[in-house]
Amino acid sequence: MSEKKYSEMAEHELRTEIANLKEKARKAEQLGIVNEYAVYERKATMAQAFLTDPASIKPGEMYRISSDPGMFFQVEYLKGRFAWGYRLGGAKYEEALPISLLQPLKEGK
């Protein structure tokens, strides 16, 4: 059986995949396998990006980075499920973040 790409999965398949990845990450963390934990967390973040509507991310706007509290990201443009732009306050180099990591400034803390 070949693995389906996240882009080919239905919403319920993505949610199941994310739950499975989070569980594997939790187990790896409990066992102290840091690199395996990081891989499962990244995969879950990417799967989550396919549940995030790219139209909800607006170029030119500022967002919070959910995985990096207190850090803000200025979106320049979108390409696929990634937002390209710059973190505020650091060295200004362009990077891409999965859109699932971006949270609007208006909601939450």
PDB file of N, CA and C in Angstrom:
ATOM      1  N   MET A   1       0.843  -1.187   0.000  1.00  0.00           N
ATOM      2  CA  MET A   1       0.000   0.000   0.000  1.00  0.00           C
ATOM      3  C   MET A   1       0.887   1.250   0.000  1.00  0.00           C
ATOM      4  N   SER A   2       0.688   2.103  -0.979  1.00  0.00           N
ATOM      5  CA  SER A   2       1.500   3.323  -1.033  1.00  0.00           C
ATOM      6  C   SER A   2       0.819   4.393  -0.175  1.00  0.00           C
ATOM      7  N   GLU A   3       1.646   5.224   0.442  1.00  0.00           N
ATOM      8  CA  GLU A   3       1.138   6.283   1.309  1.00  0.00           C
ATOM      9  C   GLU A   3       0.462   7.359   0.472  1.00  0.00           C
ATOM     10  N   LYS A   4      -0.671   7.855   0.958  1.00  0.00           N
ATOM     11  CA  LYS A   4      -1.350   8.960   0.309  1.00  0.00           C
ATOM     12  C   LYS A   4      -0.664  10.261   0.699  1.00  0.00           C
ATOM     13  N   LYS A   5      -0.624  11.193  -0.238  1.00  0.00           N
ATOM     14  CA  LYS A   5      -0.113  12.528   0.075  1.00  0.00           C
ATOM     15  C   LYS A   5      -1.181  13.261   0.881  1.00  0.00           C
ATOM     16  N   TYR A   6      -0.742  14.197   1.724  1.00  0.00           N
ATOM     17  CA  TYR A   6      -1.713  14.980   2.498  1.00  0.00           C
ATOM     18  C   TYR A   6      -2.685  15.709   1.581  1.00  0.00           C
ATOM     19  N   SER A   7      -2.194  16.157   0.428  1.00  0.00           N
ATOM     20  CA  SER A   7      -3.049  16.896  -0.513  1.00  0.00           C
ATOM     21  C   SER A   7      -4.146  16.015  -1.113  1.00  0.00           C
ATOM     22  N   GLU A   8      -3.985  14.697  -1.023  1.00  0.00           N
ATOM     23  CA  GLU A   8      -4.979  13.761  -1.579  1.00  0.00           C
ATOM     24  C   GLU A   8      -5.967  13.270  -0.523  1.00  0.00           C
ATOM     25  N   MET A   9      -5.722  13.606   0.746  1.00  0.00           N
ATOM     26  CA  MET A   9      -6.562  13.105   1.830  1.00  0.00           C
ATOM     27  C   MET A   9      -7.797  13.966   2.050  1.00  0.00           C
ATOM     28  N   ALA A  10      -8.886  13.293   2.448  1.00  0.00           N
ATOM     29  CA  ALA A  10     -10.106  13.996   2.854  1.00  0.00           C
ATOM     30  C   ALA A  10      -9.893  14.542   4.263  1.00  0.00           C
ATOM     31  N   GLU A  11     -10.754  15.456   4.693  1.00  0.00           N
ATOM     32  CA  GLU A  11     -10.604  16.086   6.002  1.00  0.00           C
ATOM     33  C   GLU A  11     -10.530  15.052   7.134  1.00  0.00           C
ATOM     34  N   HIS A  12     -11.420  14.060   7.121  1.00  0.00           N
ATOM     35  CA  HIS A  12     -11.405  13.064   8.204  1.00  0.00           C
ATOM     36  C   HIS A  12     -10.119  12.232   8.195  1.00  0.00           C
ATOM     37  N   GLU A  13      -9.569  11.981   7.003  1.00  0.00           N
ATOM     38  CA  GLU A  13      -8.304  11.239   6.912  1.00  0.00           C
ATOM     39  C   GLU A  13      -7.161  12.070   7.500  1.00  0.00           C
ATOM     40  N   LEU A  14      -7.173  13.367   7.199  1.00  0.00           N
ATOM     41  CA  LEU A  14      -6.145  14.262   7.743  1.00  0.00           C
ATOM     42  C   LEU A  14      -6.232  14.314   9.267  1.00  0.00           C
ATOM     43  N   ARG A  15      -7.464  14.417   9.785  1.00  0.00           N
ATOM     44  CA  ARG A  15      -7.641  14.490  11.246  1.00  0.00           C
ATOM     45  C   ARG A  15      -7.160  13.202  11.922  1.00  0.00           C
ATOM     46  N   THR A  16      -7.433  12.063  11.293  1.00  0.00           N
ATOM     47  CA  THR A  16      -6.968  10.769  11.815  1.00  0.00           C
ATOM     48  C   THR A  16      -5.452  10.702  11.778  1.00  0.00           C
ATOM     49  N   GLU A  17      -4.866  11.142  10.657  1.00  0.00           N
ATOM     50  CA  GLU A  17      -3.407  11.153  10.503  1.00  0.00           C
ATOM     51  C   GLU A  17      -2.757  12.043  11.562  1.00  0.00           C
ATOM     52  N   ILE A  18      -3.320  13.229  11.786  1.00  0.00           N
ATOM     53  CA  ILE A  18      -2.777  14.156  12.786  1.00  0.00           C
ATOM     54  C   ILE A  18      -2.835  13.521  14.177  1.00  0.00           C
ATOM     55  N   ALA A  19      -3.955  12.893  14.512  1.00  0.00           N
ATOM     56  CA  ALA A  19      -4.092  12.229  15.813  1.00  0.00           C
ATOM     57  C   ALA A  19      -3.053  11.123  15.966  1.00  0.00           C
ATOM     58  N   ASN A  20      -2.847  10.327  14.920  1.00  0.00           N
ATOM     59  CA  ASN A  20      -1.852   9.241  14.956  1.00  0.00           C
ATOM     60  C   ASN A  20      -0.439   9.801  15.135  1.00  0.00           C
ATOM     61  N   LEU A  21      -0.125  10.870  14.394  1.00  0.00           N
ATOM     62  CA  LEU A  21       1.202  11.484  14.494  1.00  0.00           C
ATOM     63  C   LEU A  21       1.435  12.083  15.876  1.00  0.00           C
ATOM     64  N   LYS A  22       0.409  12.734  16.436  1.00  0.00           N
ATOM     65  CA  LYS A  22       0.525  13.327  17.775  1.00  0.00           C
ATOM     66  C   LYS A  22       0.762  12.227  18.823  1.00  0.00           C
ATOM     67  N   GLU A  23       0.080  11.099  18.655  1.00  0.00           N
ATOM     68  CA  GLU A  23       0.252   9.979  19.580  1.00  0.00           C
ATOM     69  C   GLU A  23       1.678   9.411  19.479  1.00  0.00           C
ATOM     70  N   LYS A  24       2.172   9.245  18.246  1.00  0.00           N
ATOM     71  CA  LYS A  24       3.548   8.761  18.050  1.00  0.00           C
ATOM     72  C   LYS A  24       4.548   9.751  18.651  1.00  0.00           C
ATOM     73  N   ALA A  25       4.279  11.046  18.483  1.00  0.00           N
ATOM     74  CA  ALA A  25       5.153  12.081  19.045  1.00  0.00           C
ATOM     75  C   ALA A  25       5.149  11.994  20.571  1.00  0.00           C
ATOM     76  N   ARG A  26       3.966  11.801  21.150  1.00  0.00           N
ATOM     77  CA  ARG A  26       3.839  11.704  22.610  1.00  0.00           C
ATOM     78  C   ARG A  26       4.649  10.522  23.143  1.00  0.00           C
ATOM     79  N   LYS A  27       4.534   9.387  22.447  1.00  0.00           N
ATOM     80  CA  LYS A  27       5.276   8.190  22.868  1.00  0.00           C
ATOM     81  C   LYS A  27       6.785   8.397  22.734  1.00  0.00           C
ATOM     82  N   ALA A  28       7.208   9.013  21.642  1.00  0.00           N
ATOM     83  CA  ALA A  28       8.639   9.287  21.439  1.00  0.00           C
ATOM     84  C   ALA A  28       9.160  10.221  22.534  1.00  0.00           C
ATOM     85  N   GLU A  29       8.345  11.223  22.889  1.00  0.00           N
ATOM     86  CA  GLU A  29       8.741  12.167  23.938  1.00  0.00           C
ATOM     87  C   GLU A  29       8.890  11.434  25.277  1.00  0.00           C
ATOM     88  N   GLN A  30       7.939  10.549  25.570  1.00  0.00           N
ATOM     89  CA  GLN A  30       7.998   9.779  26.828  1.00  0.00           C
ATOM     90  C   GLN A  30       9.244   8.904  26.878  1.00  0.00           C
ATOM     91  N   LEU A  31       9.636   8.381  25.719  1.00  0.00           N
ATOM     92  CA  LEU A  31      10.817   7.520  25.653  1.00  0.00           C
ATOM     93  C   LEU A  31      12.118   8.321  25.540  1.00  0.00           C
ATOM     94  N   GLY A  32      11.983   9.647  25.430  1.00  0.00           N
ATOM     95  CA  GLY A  32      13.159  10.506  25.354  1.00  0.00           C
ATOM     96  C   GLY A  32      13.843  10.503  23.992  1.00  0.00           C
ATOM     97  N   ILE A  33      13.097  10.116  22.946  1.00  0.00           N
ATOM     98  CA  ILE A  33      13.666  10.091  21.588  1.00  0.00           C
ATOM     99  C   ILE A  33      13.326  11.429  20.925  1.00  0.00           C
ATOM    100  N   VAL A  34      14.175  12.407  21.184  1.00  0.00           N
ATOM    101  CA  VAL A  34      13.899  13.791  20.797  1.00  0.00           C
ATOM    102  C   VAL A  34      13.771  13.975  19.288  1.00  0.00           C
ATOM    103  N   ASN A  35      14.692  13.376  18.518  1.00  0.00           N
ATOM    104  CA  ASN A  35      14.640  13.588  17.063  1.00  0.00           C
ATOM    105  C   ASN A  35      13.387  12.965  16.455  1.00  0.00           C
ATOM    106  N   GLU A  36      12.956  11.807  16.949  1.00  0.00           N
ATOM    107  CA  GLU A  36      11.737  11.162  16.448  1.00  0.00           C
ATOM    108  C   GLU A  36      10.517  12.012  16.808  1.00  0.00           C
ATOM    109  N   TYR A  37      10.510  12.549  18.029  1.00  0.00           N
ATOM    110  CA  TYR A  37       9.433  13.440  18.469  1.00  0.00           C
ATOM    111  C   TYR A  37       9.315  14.627  17.507  1.00  0.00           C
ATOM    112  N   ALA A  38      10.448  15.243  17.182  1.00  0.00           N
ATOM    113  CA  ALA A  38      10.459  16.421  16.301  1.00  0.00           C
ATOM    114  C   ALA A  38       9.917  16.087  14.915  1.00  0.00           C
ATOM    115  N   VAL A  39      10.267  14.913  14.396  1.00  0.00           N
ATOM    116  CA  VAL A  39       9.798  14.500  13.065  1.00  0.00           C
ATOM    117  C   VAL A  39       8.276  14.345  13.062  1.00  0.00           C
ATOM    118  N   TYR A  40       7.732  13.669  14.066  1.00  0.00           N
ATOM    119  CA  TYR A  40       6.273  13.479  14.131  1.00  0.00           C
ATOM    120  C   TYR A  40       5.543  14.801  14.322  1.00  0.00           C
ATOM    121  N   GLU A  41       6.108  15.706  15.131  1.00  0.00           N
ATOM    122  CA  GLU A  41       5.497  17.017  15.331  1.00  0.00           C
ATOM    123  C   GLU A  41       5.455  17.806  14.015  1.00  0.00           C
ATOM    124  N   ARG A  42       6.572  17.767  13.262  1.00  0.00           N
ATOM    125  CA  ARG A  42       6.624  18.478  11.971  1.00  0.00           C
ATOM    126  C   ARG A  42       5.620  17.885  10.984  1.00  0.00           C
ATOM    127  N   LYS A  43       5.531  16.562  10.946  1.00  0.00           N
ATOM    128  CA  LYS A  43       4.571  15.918  10.040  1.00  0.00           C
ATOM    129  C   LYS A  43       3.139  16.311  10.404  1.00  0.00           C
ATOM    130  N   ALA A  44       2.832  16.355  11.693  1.00  0.00           N
ATOM    131  CA  ALA A  44       1.496  16.749  12.139  1.00  0.00           C
ATOM    132  C   ALA A  44       1.205  18.197  11.749  1.00  0.00           C
ATOM    133  N   THR A  45       2.210  19.062  11.867  1.00  0.00           N
ATOM    134  CA  THR A  45       2.057  20.469  11.481  1.00  0.00           C
ATOM    135  C   THR A  45       1.758  20.582   9.988  1.00  0.00           C
ATOM    136  N   MET A  46       2.462  19.777   9.184  1.00  0.00           N
ATOM    137  CA  MET A  46       2.226  19.814   7.734  1.00  0.00           C
ATOM    138  C   MET A  46       0.832  19.293   7.390  1.00  0.00           C
ATOM    139  N   ALA A  47       0.409  18.207   8.035  1.00  0.00           N
ATOM    140  CA  ALA A  47      -0.939  17.675   7.790  1.00  0.00           C
ATOM    141  C   ALA A  47      -1.980  18.734   8.170  1.00  0.00           C
ATOM    142  N   GLN A  48      -1.738  19.421   9.288  1.00  0.00           N
ATOM    143  CA  GLN A  48      -2.651  20.473   9.758  1.00  0.00           C
ATOM    144  C   GLN A  48      -2.742  21.614   8.732  1.00  0.00           C
ATOM    145  N   ALA A  49      -1.656  21.859   8.013  1.00  0.00           N
ATOM    146  CA  ALA A  49      -1.648  22.923   7.003  1.00  0.00           C
ATOM    147  C   ALA A  49      -2.680  22.650   5.906  1.00  0.00           C
ATOM    148  N   PHE A  50      -2.975  21.381   5.661  1.00  0.00           N
ATOM    149  CA  PHE A  50      -3.963  21.041   4.637  1.00  0.00           C
ATOM    150  C   PHE A  50      -5.392  21.178   5.149  1.00  0.00           C
ATOM    151  N   LEU A  51      -5.555  21.416   6.454  1.00  0.00           N
ATOM    152  CA  LEU A  51      -6.875  21.713   7.025  1.00  0.00           C
ATOM    153  C   LEU A  51      -7.062  23.223   7.185  1.00  0.00           C
ATOM    154  N   THR A  52      -5.996  23.983   6.931  1.00  0.00           N
ATOM    155  CA  THR A  52      -6.036  25.444   7.057  1.00  0.00           C
ATOM    156  C   THR A  52      -6.321  26.040   5.684  1.00  0.00           C
ATOM    157  N   ASP A  53      -7.290  26.933   5.625  1.00  0.00           N
ATOM    158  CA  ASP A  53      -7.648  27.575   4.365  1.00  0.00           C
ATOM    159  C   ASP A  53      -6.599  28.629   4.011  1.00  0.00           C
ATOM    160  N   PRO A  54      -5.880  28.443   2.877  1.00  0.00           N
ATOM    161  CA  PRO A  54      -4.863  29.440   2.498  1.00  0.00           C
ATOM    162  C   PRO A  54      -5.446  30.845   2.349  1.00  0.00           C
ATOM    163  N   ALA A  55      -6.737  30.943   2.017  1.00  0.00           N
ATOM    164  CA  ALA A  55      -7.372  32.257   1.860  1.00  0.00           C
ATOM    165  C   ALA A  55      -7.465  33.000   3.190  1.00  0.00           C
ATOM    166  N   SER A  56      -7.289  32.273   4.311  1.00  0.00           N
ATOM    167  CA  SER A  56      -7.355  32.917   5.632  1.00  0.00           C
ATOM    168  C   SER A  56      -6.051  33.645   5.970  1.00  0.00           C
ATOM    169  N   ILE A  57      -5.003  33.406   5.180  1.00  0.00           N
ATOM    170  CA  ILE A  57      -3.705  34.051   5.397  1.00  0.00           C
ATOM    171  C   ILE A  57      -3.536  35.141   4.335  1.00  0.00           C
ATOM    172  N   LYS A  58      -3.388  36.378   4.795  1.00  0.00           N
ATOM    173  CA  LYS A  58      -3.317  37.518   3.875  1.00  0.00           C
ATOM    174  C   LYS A  58      -1.899  38.080   3.780  1.00  0.00           C
ATOM    175  N   PRO A  59      -1.345  38.111   2.554  1.00  0.00           N
ATOM    176  CA  PRO A  59      -0.030  38.745   2.377  1.00  0.00           C
ATOM    177  C   PRO A  59      -0.070  40.191   2.879  1.00  0.00           C
ATOM    178  N   GLY A  60       1.021  40.605   3.520  1.00  0.00           N
ATOM    179  CA  GLY A  60       1.100  41.962   4.051  1.00  0.00           C
ATOM    180  C   GLY A  60       0.664  42.039   5.505  1.00  0.00           C
ATOM    181  N   GLU A  61       0.025  40.989   6.017  1.00  0.00           N
ATOM    182  CA  GLU A  61      -0.440  41.017   7.402  1.00  0.00           C
ATOM    183  C   GLU A  61       0.538  40.323   8.335  1.00  0.00           C
ATOM    184  N   MET A  62       0.395  40.644   9.613  1.00  0.00           N
ATOM    185  CA  MET A  62       1.235  40.102  10.675  1.00  0.00           C
ATOM    186  C   MET A  62       0.472  38.989  11.393  1.00  0.00           C
ATOM    187  N   TYR A  63       1.188  37.922  11.760  1.00  0.00           N
ATOM    188  CA  TYR A  63       0.585  36.791  12.471  1.00  0.00           C
ATOM    189  C   TYR A  63       1.461  36.375  13.636  1.00  0.00           C
ATOM    190  N   ARG A  64       0.831  35.753  14.630  1.00  0.00           N
ATOM    191  CA  ARG A  64       1.576  35.104  15.715  1.00  0.00           C
ATOM    192  C   ARG A  64       2.046  33.757  15.182  1.00  0.00           C
ATOM    193  N   ILE A  65       3.175  33.253  15.716  1.00  0.00           N
ATOM    194  CA  ILE A  65       3.658  31.918  15.366  1.00  0.00           C
ATOM    195  C   ILE A  65       3.300  31.010  16.544  1.00  0.00           C
ATOM    196  N   SER A  66       2.371  30.072  16.326  1.00  0.00           N
ATOM    197  CA  SER A  66       1.859  29.258  17.435  1.00  0.00           C
ATOM    198  C   SER A  66       2.949  28.434  18.113  1.00  0.00           C
ATOM    199  N   SER A  67       3.964  28.027  17.370  1.00  0.00           N
ATOM    200  CA  SER A  67       5.026  27.194  17.946  1.00  0.00           C
ATOM    201  C   SER A  67       6.128  28.025  18.617  1.00  0.00           C
ATOM    202  N   ASP A  68       6.011  29.348  18.512  1.00  0.00           N
ATOM    203  CA  ASP A  68       7.051  30.235  19.035  1.00  0.00           C
ATOM    204  C   ASP A  68       6.388  31.445  19.716  1.00  0.00           C
ATOM    205  N   PRO A  69       5.877  31.256  20.940  1.00  0.00           N
ATOM    206  CA  PRO A  69       5.140  32.329  21.631  1.00  0.00           C
ATOM    207  C   PRO A  69       5.933  33.632  21.689  1.00  0.00           C
ATOM    208  N   GLY A  70       5.239  34.735  21.454  1.00  0.00           N
ATOM    209  CA  GLY A  70       5.884  36.035  21.500  1.00  0.00           C
ATOM    210  C   GLY A  70       6.576  36.420  20.202  1.00  0.00           C
ATOM    211  N   MET A  71       6.591  35.508  19.230  1.00  0.00           N
ATOM    212  CA  MET A  71       7.246  35.794  17.948  1.00  0.00           C
ATOM    213  C   MET A  71       6.166  36.123  16.907  1.00  0.00           C
ATOM    214  N   PHE A  72       6.465  37.095  16.070  1.00  0.00           N
ATOM    215  CA  PHE A  72       5.520  37.519  15.035  1.00  0.00           C
ATOM    216  C   PHE A  72       6.128  37.327  13.655  1.00  0.00           C
ATOM    217  N   PHE A  73       5.250  37.090  12.685  1.00  0.00           N
ATOM    218  CA  PHE A  73       5.675  36.789  11.318  1.00  0.00           C
ATOM    219  C   PHE A  73       4.927  37.683  10.345  1.00  0.00           C
ATOM    220  N   GLN A  74       5.685  38.384   9.514  1.00  0.00           N
ATOM    221  CA  GLN A  74       5.119  39.253   8.476  1.00  0.00           C
ATOM    222  C   GLN A  74       5.052  38.434   7.182  1.00  0.00           C
ATOM    223  N   VAL A  75       3.831  38.173   6.693  1.00  0.00           N
ATOM    224  CA  VAL A  75       3.659  37.371   5.485  1.00  0.00           C
ATOM    225  C   VAL A  75       3.855  38.240   4.246  1.00  0.00           C
ATOM    226  N   GLU A  76       4.741  37.800   3.353  1.00  0.00           N
ATOM    227  CA  GLU A  76       4.967  38.490   2.089  1.00  0.00           C
ATOM    228  C   GLU A  76       4.109  37.868   0.985  1.00  0.00           C
ATOM    229  N   TYR A  77       4.131  36.536   0.899  1.00  0.00           N
ATOM    230  CA  TYR A  77       3.321  35.841  -0.110  1.00  0.00           C
ATOM    231  C   TYR A  77       3.117  34.386   0.294  1.00  0.00           C
ATOM    232  N   LEU A  78       2.167  33.744  -0.377  1.00  0.00           N
ATOM    233  CA  LEU A  78       1.871  32.332  -0.132  1.00  0.00           C
ATOM    234  C   LEU A  78       2.314  31.508  -1.327  1.00  0.00           C
ATOM    235  N   LYS A  79       2.788  30.316  -1.039  1.00  0.00           N
ATOM    236  CA  LYS A  79       3.119  29.366  -2.103  1.00  0.00           C
ATOM    237  C   LYS A  79       2.721  27.993  -1.579  1.00  0.00           C
ATOM    238  N   GLY A  80       1.660  27.448  -2.145  1.00  0.00           N
ATOM    239  CA  GLY A  80       1.146  26.179  -1.658  1.00  0.00           C
ATOM    240  C   GLY A  80       0.644  26.326  -0.232  1.00  0.00           C
ATOM    241  N   ARG A  81       1.096  25.480   0.656  1.00  0.00           N
ATOM    242  CA  ARG A  81       0.673  25.509   2.061  1.00  0.00           C
ATOM    243  C   ARG A  81       1.689  26.207   2.955  1.00  0.00           C
ATOM    244  N   PHE A  82       2.545  27.035   2.325  1.00  0.00           N
ATOM    245  CA  PHE A  82       3.553  27.769   3.078  1.00  0.00           C
ATOM    246  C   PHE A  82       3.358  29.270   2.910  1.00  0.00           C
ATOM    247  N   ALA A  83       3.607  29.996   4.002  1.00  0.00           N
ATOM    248  CA  ALA A  83       3.637  31.458   3.959  1.00  0.00           C
ATOM    249  C   ALA A  83       5.102  31.860   3.996  1.00  0.00           C
ATOM    250  N   TRP A  84       5.491  32.694   3.063  1.00  0.00           N
ATOM    251  CA  TRP A  84       6.867  33.190   3.009  1.00  0.00           C
ATOM    252  C   TRP A  84       6.883  34.596   3.573  1.00  0.00           C
ATOM    253  N   GLY A  85       7.911  34.893   4.362  1.00  0.00           N
ATOM    254  CA  GLY A  85       8.006  36.226   4.932  1.00  0.00           C
ATOM    255  C   GLY A  85       9.146  36.296   5.929  1.00  0.00           C
ATOM    256  N   TYR A  86       8.955  37.159   6.949  1.00  0.00           N
ATOM    257  CA  TYR A  86      10.021  37.470   7.899  1.00  0.00           C
ATOM    258  C   TYR A  86       9.511  37.469   9.327  1.00  0.00           C
ATOM    259  N   ARG A  87      10.341  36.975  10.247  1.00  0.00           N
ATOM    260  CA  ARG A  87      10.049  37.105  11.680  1.00  0.00           C
ATOM    261  C   ARG A  87      10.425  38.518  12.076  1.00  0.00           C
ATOM    262  N   LEU A  88       9.666  39.083  13.006  1.00  0.00           N
ATOM    263  CA  LEU A  88       9.980  40.429  13.477  1.00  0.00           C
ATOM    264  C   LEU A  88      11.042  40.382  14.565  1.00  0.00           C
ATOM    265  N   GLY A  89      11.899  41.367  14.564  1.00  0.00           N
ATOM    266  CA  GLY A  89      12.866  41.515  15.641  1.00  0.00           C
ATOM    267  C   GLY A  89      14.185  40.805  15.419  1.00  0.00           C
ATOM    268  N   GLY A  90      14.218  39.819  14.548  1.00  0.00           N
ATOM    269  CA  GLY A  90      15.469  39.098  14.328  1.00  0.00           C
ATOM    270  C   GLY A  90      16.183  39.605  13.101  1.00  0.00           C
ATOM    271  N   ALA A  91      17.177  38.837  12.664  1.00  0.00           N
ATOM    272  CA  ALA A  91      17.842  39.146  11.394  1.00  0.00           C
ATOM    273  C   ALA A  91      16.770  38.964  10.317  1.00  0.00           C
ATOM    274  N   LYS A  92      16.682  39.907   9.407  1.00  0.00           N
ATOM    275  CA  LYS A  92      15.584  39.855   8.438  1.00  0.00           C
ATOM    276  C   LYS A  92      15.945  38.952   7.257  1.00  0.00           C
ATOM    277  N   TYR A  93      15.758  37.644   7.452  1.00  0.00           N
ATOM    278  CA  TYR A  93      15.954  36.733   6.333  1.00  0.00           C
ATOM    279  C   TYR A  93      14.628  36.062   6.021  1.00  0.00           C
ATOM    280  N   GLU A  94      14.389  35.856   4.739  1.00  0.00           N
ATOM    281  CA  GLU A  94      13.121  35.271   4.314  1.00  0.00           C
ATOM    282  C   GLU A  94      13.078  33.794   4.680  1.00  0.00           C
ATOM    283  N   GLU A  95      11.924  33.362   5.177  1.00  0.00           N
ATOM    284  CA  GLU A  95      11.728  31.942   5.474  1.00  0.00           C
ATOM    285  C   GLU A  95      10.284  31.572   5.174  1.00  0.00           C
ATOM    286  N   ALA A  96      10.036  30.283   5.119  1.00  0.00           N
ATOM    287  CA  ALA A  96       8.690  29.780   4.862  1.00  0.00           C
ATOM    288  C   ALA A  96       8.213  29.016   6.086  1.00  0.00           C
ATOM    289  N   LEU A  97       6.963  29.275   6.481  1.00  0.00           N
ATOM    290  CA  LEU A  97       6.349  28.542   7.586  1.00  0.00           C
ATOM    291  C   LEU A  97       5.070  27.879   7.079  1.00  0.00           C
ATOM    292  N   PRO A  98       4.764  26.660   7.553  1.00  0.00           N
ATOM    293  CA  PRO A  98       3.472  26.063   7.200  1.00  0.00           C
ATOM    294  C   PRO A  98       2.357  26.989   7.692  1.00  0.00           C
ATOM    295  N   ILE A  99       1.328  27.175   6.890  1.00  0.00           N
ATOM    296  CA  ILE A  99       0.265  28.123   7.258  1.00  0.00           C
ATOM    297  C   ILE A  99      -0.455  27.712   8.538  1.00  0.00           C
ATOM    298  N   SER A 100      -0.361  26.447   8.922  1.00  0.00           N
ATOM    299  CA  SER A 100      -1.020  25.987  10.149  1.00  0.00           C
ATOM    300  C   SER A 100      -0.366  26.576  11.404  1.00  0.00           C
ATOM    301  N   LEU A 101       0.840  27.134  11.292  1.00  0.00           N
ATOM    302  CA  LEU A 101       1.510  27.730  12.454  1.00  0.00           C
ATOM    303  C   LEU A 101       1.121  29.176  12.678  1.00  0.00           C
ATOM    304  N   LEU A 102       0.416  29.783  11.727  1.00  0.00           N
ATOM    305  CA  LEU A 102       0.105  31.205  11.823  1.00  0.00           C
ATOM    306  C   LEU A 102      -1.248  31.444  12.465  1.00  0.00           C
ATOM    307  N   GLN A 103      -1.274  32.355  13.433  1.00  0.00           N
ATOM    308  CA  GLN A 103      -2.514  32.717  14.123  1.00  0.00           C
ATOM    309  C   GLN A 103      -2.727  34.210  13.987  1.00  0.00           C
ATOM    310  N   PRO A 104      -3.969  34.613  13.679  1.00  0.00           N
ATOM    311  CA  PRO A 104      -4.261  36.053  13.570  1.00  0.00           C
ATOM    312  C   PRO A 104      -3.957  36.769  14.884  1.00  0.00           C
ATOM    313  N   LEU A 105      -3.536  38.018  14.796  1.00  0.00           N
ATOM    314  CA  LEU A 105      -3.229  38.803  15.992  1.00  0.00           C
ATOM    315  C   LEU A 105      -4.488  39.118  16.793  1.00  0.00           C
ATOM    316  N   LYS A 106      -5.629  39.211  16.115  1.00  0.00           N
ATOM    317  CA  LYS A 106      -6.865  39.677  16.735  1.00  0.00           C
ATOM    318  C   LYS A 106      -7.465  38.691  17.731  1.00  0.00           C
ATOM    319  N   GLU A 107      -7.125  37.369  17.593  1.00  0.00           N
ATOM    320  CA  GLU A 107      -7.740  36.417  18.514  1.00  0.00           C
ATOM    321  C   GLU A 107      -6.695  35.827  19.449  1.00  0.00           C
ATOM    322  N   GLY A 108      -7.153  35.196  20.507  1.00  0.00           N
ATOM    323  CA  GLY A 108      -6.230  34.563  21.447  1.00  0.00           C
ATOM    324  C   GLY A 108      -5.615  35.580  22.392  1.00  0.00           C
ATOM    325  N   LYS A 109      -4.451  35.231  22.912  1.00  0.00           N
ATOM    326  CA  LYS A 109      -3.803  36.088  23.915  1.00  0.00           C
ATOM    327  C   LYS A 109      -3.147  37.297  23.259  1.00  0.00           C
TER     328      LYS A 109
END
